[in-house]
Amino acid sequence: MRIAACTRFGPPSVIEFRTVPDPTPGPNDLIVRVHATTVTSADARIRAMRMPSPTFTLLGHLAFGFRSPRNPVLGSELAGVVERVGANVTTFAPGDRVLAFTGARLGAHAELVRVAKSSAVVKLPTSLSFEHAAALPFAFTTALYHLRDLARFKPGQHITIIGAAGAVGSAAVQLARLQGCTVTAVCRSSNHALVRSLGAQEVIDYTREDWTKHPRRPDIIFDTVGVVPWKTARTALAPAGIFLQAVITMRDVIPMLLTARNRTKPRFKAGIAPERASDLSHIITLASEQKIQPVIGHRYDFNDIANAHALVDSGRKVGAAVVVINER
């Protein structure tokens, strides 16, 4: 099979194609032929070893390798078809369409992937294409975890979403509107029509306006791209408001701890979304019922995956960057 290998930490040009033996399933594994995957901001950070702070860079090297990734195949989400299953796998069979996270093991940028049956893997209905399905997991589980689990959003709240046209941001806009919240989307003016179509009632071009001067102070600020300092968010929030940060750094730990017990003052919350099959099933149901839709801003063939990495590095990615590996 072919893999897109990250040969060393560096720019997109470090991605090279290699041919390696097909994986074989262990007793509790599935072998999935990947039809579509994505290049996410996390993939680009790992490839470049570009972390939010020196401390996180050190942790990144400890987790992924020092001179090059221990696992050269990046990618954490995929949609495809089961080819083989292990002896202990009874809930999946060859021919099943599936959507899966590979987690910290990565490996989705390949023609075939070994997926543990205990991981976040669920059956995919025929009503969803592989491309649209592949754009769902990272974006929507991240948004769902922050809004539902950390902020416990509820109808009637005002939510300001920073980076609203990105993968996580566009997912957050839709989930917030589905919950009955009022959404102010902060993004470039070229993306205003998109975020309005997803349900944002108000849009702000951050290059021309100061979103912190909005006449109504939001109950929740969700920074999906990691550009808003806590000091800025704190002064813009409503009393007892919550600031959500999708890209956590070491400087965030202290304000998170100091505000954890606040009930009448703003709080700072952040975390890494867990990969749960139950959340994937929930998101697939919403997508099947056309209550949410993944935003695919960019589509690449497998041979062009390095260009997808370059797009993510540019900071101009809209929605998900989907990579089609097998169109059959």
Protein backbone atom coordinates (compact mmCIF):
# COMPACT_ATOMS: atom_id res chain seq x y z
CA MET A 1 0.00 0.00 0.00
CA ARG A 2 1.01 3.64 -0.39
CA ILE A 3 1.54 5.94 2.55
CA ALA A 4 2.26 9.67 2.81
CA ALA A 5 5.27 9.65 5.12
CA CYS A 6 6.55 12.59 7.14
CA THR A 7 10.25 11.89 6.77
CA ARG A 8 11.39 14.52 9.26
CA PHE A 9 10.01 17.57 11.03
CA GLY A 10 9.81 20.51 8.65
CA PRO A 11 7.84 22.17 5.81
CA PRO A 12 5.27 20.40 3.62
CA SER A 13 8.05 19.21 1.31
CA VAL A 14 9.09 16.62 3.93
CA ILE A 15 6.02 14.57 2.97
CA GLU A 16 7.04 11.69 0.69
CA PHE A 17 5.18 8.73 -0.72
CA ARG A 18 6.35 5.23 0.10
CA THR A 19 5.12 1.73 -0.60
CA VAL A 20 4.95 -0.54 2.44
CA PRO A 21 3.37 -3.94 3.18
CA ASP A 22 -0.37 -4.00 3.83
CA PRO A 23 -1.25 -4.11 7.55
CA THR A 24 -2.71 -7.27 9.04
CA PRO A 25 -5.38 -7.20 11.74
CA GLY A 26 -4.79 -8.28 15.30
CA PRO A 27 -7.63 -10.19 16.96
CA ASN A 28 -9.34 -6.93 18.03
CA ASP A 29 -8.63 -4.86 14.92
CA LEU A 30 -10.25 -3.79 11.68
CA ILE A 31 -8.36 -3.09 8.48
CA VAL A 32 -10.02 -0.16 6.72
CA ARG A 33 -9.42 0.95 3.14
CA VAL A 34 -9.37 4.74 3.40
CA HIS A 35 -11.50 6.63 0.89
CA ALA A 36 -11.12 10.09 2.43
CA THR A 37 -9.18 11.76 5.22
CA THR A 38 -8.17 15.32 6.13
CA VAL A 39 -5.14 17.43 6.92
CA THR A 40 -5.91 19.27 10.13
CA SER A 41 -4.12 21.99 12.06
CA ALA A 42 -2.90 19.25 14.43
CA ASP A 43 -1.32 17.35 11.52
CA ALA A 44 0.46 20.49 10.36
CA ARG A 45 1.71 21.28 13.87
CA ILE A 46 3.12 17.77 14.30
CA ARG A 47 4.72 17.78 10.83
CA ALA A 48 6.46 21.10 11.50
CA MET A 49 6.84 20.46 15.26
CA ARG A 50 5.34 23.92 15.60
CA MET A 51 3.74 23.94 19.02
CA PRO A 52 2.13 26.84 20.94
CA SER A 53 5.08 27.23 23.34
CA PRO A 54 8.62 25.89 24.01
CA THR A 55 7.23 23.66 26.75
CA PHE A 56 4.70 22.14 24.39
CA THR A 57 7.45 21.73 21.77
CA LEU A 58 9.44 19.65 24.25
CA LEU A 59 6.34 17.63 25.10
CA GLY A 60 5.67 17.23 21.38
CA HIS A 61 9.14 15.79 20.81
CA LEU A 62 8.69 13.41 23.73
CA ALA A 63 5.34 12.28 22.35
CA PHE A 64 6.12 12.09 18.63
CA GLY A 65 9.91 11.86 18.23
CA PHE A 66 12.99 14.09 18.22
CA ARG A 67 14.48 14.15 14.71
CA SER A 68 11.49 12.69 12.89
CA PRO A 69 8.07 11.29 13.82
CA ARG A 70 8.16 7.81 15.31
CA ASN A 71 5.07 7.12 13.25
CA PRO A 72 5.73 8.86 9.92
CA VAL A 73 2.11 8.56 8.79
CA LEU A 74 0.01 11.47 10.05
CA GLY A 75 -3.76 11.87 9.96
CA SER A 76 -6.28 11.19 12.71
CA GLU A 77 -9.66 10.88 10.96
CA LEU A 78 -10.87 8.76 8.08
CA ALA A 79 -13.86 7.42 6.23
CA GLY A 80 -13.63 4.15 4.36
CA VAL A 81 -14.64 0.52 3.99
CA VAL A 82 -13.71 -2.42 6.20
CA GLU A 83 -11.57 -4.96 4.32
CA ARG A 84 -10.66 -7.42 7.05
CA VAL A 85 -11.47 -7.95 10.72
CA GLY A 86 -9.76 -9.79 13.56
CA ALA A 87 -11.07 -12.95 15.15
CA ASN A 88 -12.64 -11.11 18.11
CA VAL A 89 -14.42 -8.44 16.05
CA THR A 90 -18.16 -9.15 15.79
CA THR A 91 -19.71 -5.69 15.42
CA PHE A 92 -18.04 -4.94 12.07
CA ALA A 93 -17.66 -6.99 8.91
CA PRO A 94 -15.87 -6.66 5.57
CA GLY A 95 -17.79 -4.26 3.36
CA ASP A 96 -19.03 -2.03 6.19
CA ARG A 97 -18.70 1.70 5.58
CA VAL A 98 -17.10 3.29 8.65
CA LEU A 99 -15.97 6.60 10.12
CA ALA A 100 -13.11 6.51 12.59
CA PHE A 101 -10.57 8.36 14.68
CA THR A 102 -7.10 6.86 14.86
CA GLY A 103 -6.20 8.96 17.89
CA ALA A 104 -2.62 9.65 18.94
CA ARG A 105 -1.50 6.66 16.85
CA LEU A 106 -2.34 8.71 13.75
CA GLY A 107 -1.84 6.76 10.51
CA ALA A 108 -4.85 7.91 8.46
CA HIS A 109 -2.79 9.29 5.55
CA ALA A 110 -2.49 5.84 4.00
CA GLU A 111 -4.43 3.56 1.70
CA LEU A 112 -5.07 1.03 4.48
CA VAL A 113 -5.29 1.63 8.22
CA ARG A 114 -5.45 -0.69 11.21
CA VAL A 115 -8.18 0.51 13.61
CA ALA A 116 -8.83 -1.02 17.02
CA LYS A 117 -12.44 -2.03 17.60
CA SER A 118 -12.28 -0.26 20.98
CA SER A 119 -11.42 3.08 19.37
CA ALA A 120 -13.86 5.70 18.12
CA VAL A 121 -15.13 3.87 15.06
CA VAL A 122 -18.77 3.74 13.93
CA LYS A 123 -20.74 2.57 10.93
CA LEU A 124 -21.41 5.17 8.26
CA PRO A 125 -24.80 5.37 6.52
CA THR A 126 -24.92 5.48 2.74
CA SER A 127 -26.62 8.88 2.93
CA LEU A 128 -23.24 10.46 3.73
CA SER A 129 -20.40 10.49 1.24
CA PHE A 130 -16.92 9.51 2.35
CA GLU A 131 -15.64 13.03 1.71
CA HIS A 132 -18.33 14.71 3.80
CA ALA A 133 -18.01 12.14 6.55
CA ALA A 134 -14.22 12.55 6.81
CA ALA A 135 -14.70 16.27 7.48
CA LEU A 136 -16.91 15.62 10.52
CA PRO A 137 -14.89 14.05 13.40
CA PHE A 138 -12.14 16.52 14.31
CA ALA A 139 -14.17 19.65 13.71
CA PHE A 140 -17.44 18.66 15.30
CA THR A 141 -16.16 16.66 18.27
CA THR A 142 -13.82 19.53 19.17
CA ALA A 143 -16.65 22.07 18.95
CA LEU A 144 -19.08 19.77 20.76
CA TYR A 145 -16.70 19.11 23.63
CA HIS A 146 -15.96 22.77 24.23
CA LEU A 147 -19.52 24.07 23.89
CA ARG A 148 -21.45 21.20 25.46
CA ASP A 149 -19.05 19.68 27.97
CA LEU A 150 -16.93 22.65 29.06
CA ALA A 151 -19.30 25.61 28.65
CA ARG A 152 -22.62 23.73 28.95
CA PHE A 153 -24.18 26.09 26.44
CA LYS A 154 -27.91 26.57 26.51
CA PRO A 155 -30.62 28.25 24.43
CA GLY A 156 -30.68 32.02 24.48
CA GLN A 157 -26.99 32.54 25.15
CA HIS A 158 -24.88 34.85 23.01
CA ILE A 159 -21.76 33.17 21.67
CA THR A 160 -18.90 34.87 19.83
CA ILE A 161 -16.85 32.47 17.72
CA ILE A 162 -13.34 33.49 16.66
CA GLY A 163 -12.16 31.83 13.46
CA ALA A 164 -15.73 31.00 12.50
CA ALA A 165 -14.90 29.96 8.93
CA GLY A 166 -12.40 27.29 9.89
CA ALA A 167 -13.18 23.63 10.42
CA VAL A 168 -13.82 23.88 14.17
CA GLY A 169 -15.29 27.37 13.90
CA SER A 170 -17.84 26.45 11.23
CA ALA A 171 -18.84 23.41 13.28
CA ALA A 172 -19.23 25.58 16.38
CA VAL A 173 -21.48 28.04 14.54
CA GLN A 174 -23.82 25.23 13.53
CA LEU A 175 -23.92 23.53 16.93
CA ALA A 176 -24.55 26.83 18.69
CA ARG A 177 -27.43 27.72 16.38
CA LEU A 178 -28.87 24.22 16.71
CA GLN A 179 -28.85 24.77 20.48
CA GLY A 180 -30.79 28.01 20.07
CA CYS A 181 -27.95 30.42 20.77
CA THR A 182 -27.29 33.78 19.14
CA VAL A 183 -24.03 33.61 17.21
CA THR A 184 -21.59 36.37 16.33
CA ALA A 185 -19.04 35.04 13.86
CA VAL A 186 -15.59 36.65 13.64
CA CYS A 187 -13.75 36.00 10.36
CA ARG A 188 -12.58 37.68 7.18
CA SER A 189 -15.22 39.47 5.11
CA SER A 190 -14.69 37.01 2.25
CA ASN A 191 -16.20 34.31 4.49
CA HIS A 192 -19.18 36.27 5.80
CA ALA A 193 -21.65 34.73 3.35
CA LEU A 194 -20.50 31.26 4.36
CA VAL A 195 -20.91 31.72 8.10
CA ARG A 196 -24.28 33.44 7.64
CA SER A 197 -25.43 30.42 5.63
CA LEU A 198 -24.43 28.23 8.58
CA GLY A 199 -26.60 30.25 10.97
CA ALA A 200 -24.54 33.17 12.30
CA GLN A 201 -26.81 36.17 12.89
CA GLU A 202 -23.97 38.67 13.11
CA VAL A 203 -20.58 38.74 11.42
CA ILE A 204 -17.52 40.83 12.17
CA ASP A 205 -14.46 41.28 9.96
CA TYR A 206 -11.63 41.31 12.50
CA THR A 207 -9.37 43.17 10.05
CA ARG A 208 -11.75 46.15 10.06
CA GLU A 209 -13.64 46.06 13.33
CA ASP A 210 -12.87 45.44 16.99
CA TRP A 211 -15.08 42.52 17.94
CA THR A 212 -14.48 43.20 21.65
CA LYS A 213 -16.53 46.42 21.33
CA HIS A 214 -19.75 44.60 20.51
CA PRO A 215 -22.65 46.31 22.38
CA ARG A 216 -23.75 42.99 23.88
CA ARG A 217 -21.10 41.20 25.88
CA PRO A 218 -21.21 37.49 25.01
CA ASP A 219 -21.91 34.71 27.48
CA ILE A 220 -19.32 32.55 25.72
CA ILE A 221 -16.29 33.43 23.61
CA PHE A 222 -14.91 30.45 21.71
CA ASP A 223 -11.47 31.07 20.23
CA THR A 224 -11.04 28.20 17.78
CA VAL A 225 -7.65 29.34 16.44
CA GLY A 226 -5.72 30.41 19.55
CA VAL A 227 -5.25 34.12 18.92
CA VAL A 228 -7.16 35.76 21.79
CA PRO A 229 -5.32 36.46 25.08
CA TRP A 230 -7.21 35.81 28.30
CA LYS A 231 -6.87 39.48 29.25
CA THR A 232 -8.76 40.48 26.10
CA ALA A 233 -11.44 37.83 26.47
CA ARG A 234 -12.02 38.59 30.16
CA THR A 235 -12.85 42.23 29.52
CA ALA A 236 -15.14 41.39 26.58
CA LEU A 237 -17.18 38.70 28.35
CA ALA A 238 -20.44 39.14 30.20
CA PRO A 239 -20.30 38.69 33.98
CA ALA A 240 -19.90 34.97 34.72
CA GLY A 241 -19.11 34.40 31.04
CA ILE A 242 -16.88 31.60 29.79
CA PHE A 243 -13.85 31.85 27.53
CA LEU A 244 -13.11 28.68 25.56
CA GLN A 245 -9.70 28.18 24.01
CA ALA A 246 -9.21 25.38 21.46
CA VAL A 247 -5.42 25.84 21.25
CA ILE A 248 -4.06 25.65 24.78
CA THR A 249 -0.60 26.90 25.81
CA MET A 250 1.29 26.81 29.09
CA ARG A 251 0.44 30.46 29.74
CA ASP A 252 -3.22 29.43 29.86
CA VAL A 253 -2.81 27.05 32.79
CA ILE A 254 -2.63 29.70 35.51
CA PRO A 255 -5.77 31.67 34.51
CA MET A 256 -7.61 28.37 34.08
CA LEU A 257 -6.73 27.34 37.62
CA LEU A 258 -7.39 30.78 39.09
CA THR A 259 -10.85 31.07 37.53
CA ALA A 260 -11.98 27.47 37.93
CA ARG A 261 -14.21 28.21 40.93
CA ASN A 262 -15.62 31.49 39.62
CA ARG A 263 -19.40 31.70 39.54
CA THR A 264 -20.00 35.43 39.19
CA LYS A 265 -16.84 36.33 37.26
CA PRO A 266 -15.49 35.19 33.87
CA ARG A 267 -13.92 31.74 33.63
CA PHE A 268 -11.27 30.34 31.31
CA LYS A 269 -11.75 26.76 30.09
CA ALA A 270 -9.77 24.67 27.63
CA GLY A 271 -9.00 21.06 26.95
CA ILE A 272 -8.45 18.34 24.40
CA ALA A 273 -11.62 16.74 23.10
CA PRO A 274 -11.83 13.02 23.82
CA GLU A 275 -12.39 10.66 20.91
CA ARG A 276 -15.63 8.86 21.71
CA ALA A 277 -17.69 6.59 19.49
CA SER A 278 -20.84 7.99 21.12
CA ASP A 279 -19.96 11.51 19.96
CA LEU A 280 -19.24 10.27 16.43
CA SER A 281 -22.62 8.52 16.35
CA HIS A 282 -24.34 11.69 17.56
CA ILE A 283 -22.65 13.79 14.89
CA ILE A 284 -23.45 11.29 12.14
CA THR A 285 -27.11 11.37 13.19
CA LEU A 286 -27.20 15.17 13.00
CA ALA A 287 -25.53 15.12 9.60
CA SER A 288 -27.85 12.41 8.29
CA GLU A 289 -30.83 14.49 9.40
CA GLN A 290 -29.26 17.50 7.63
CA LYS A 291 -29.15 19.49 10.87
CA ILE A 292 -25.42 20.09 10.38
CA GLN A 293 -23.14 20.00 7.38
CA PRO A 294 -19.37 19.77 7.18
CA VAL A 295 -17.72 22.63 5.35
CA ILE A 296 -15.28 21.34 2.76
CA GLY A 297 -13.37 24.37 1.62
CA HIS A 298 -10.63 22.45 -0.14
CA ARG A 299 -10.35 19.05 -1.83
CA TYR A 300 -7.08 17.33 -2.74
CA ASP A 301 -6.11 14.08 -4.38
CA PHE A 302 -3.80 11.88 -2.34
CA ASN A 303 -0.85 12.79 -4.57
CA ASP A 304 -1.34 16.45 -3.63
CA ILE A 305 -1.44 16.00 0.14
CA ALA A 306 1.64 18.20 0.62
CA ASN A 307 -0.37 21.07 -0.87
CA ALA A 308 -3.03 20.49 1.78
CA HIS A 309 -0.32 20.88 4.43
CA ALA A 310 0.83 24.12 2.76
CA LEU A 311 -2.72 25.44 2.84
CA VAL A 312 -3.03 24.77 6.56
CA ASP A 313 0.31 26.49 7.14
CA SER A 314 -0.95 29.56 5.28
CA GLY A 315 -3.71 30.20 7.83
CA ARG A 316 -6.23 30.64 5.00
CA LYS A 317 -7.97 27.28 5.28
CA VAL A 318 -11.77 27.50 5.10
CA GLY A 319 -13.56 24.55 6.63
CA ALA A 320 -11.86 21.19 6.19
CA ALA A 321 -9.05 20.26 3.80
CA VAL A 322 -10.23 16.85 2.58
CA VAL A 323 -7.86 14.41 0.92
CA VAL A 324 -9.39 11.77 -1.36
CA ILE A 325 -7.35 8.58 -1.34
CA ASN A 326 -9.68 6.14 -3.08
CA GLU A 327 -12.66 7.35 -5.06
CA ARG A 328 -14.10 3.92 -5.81
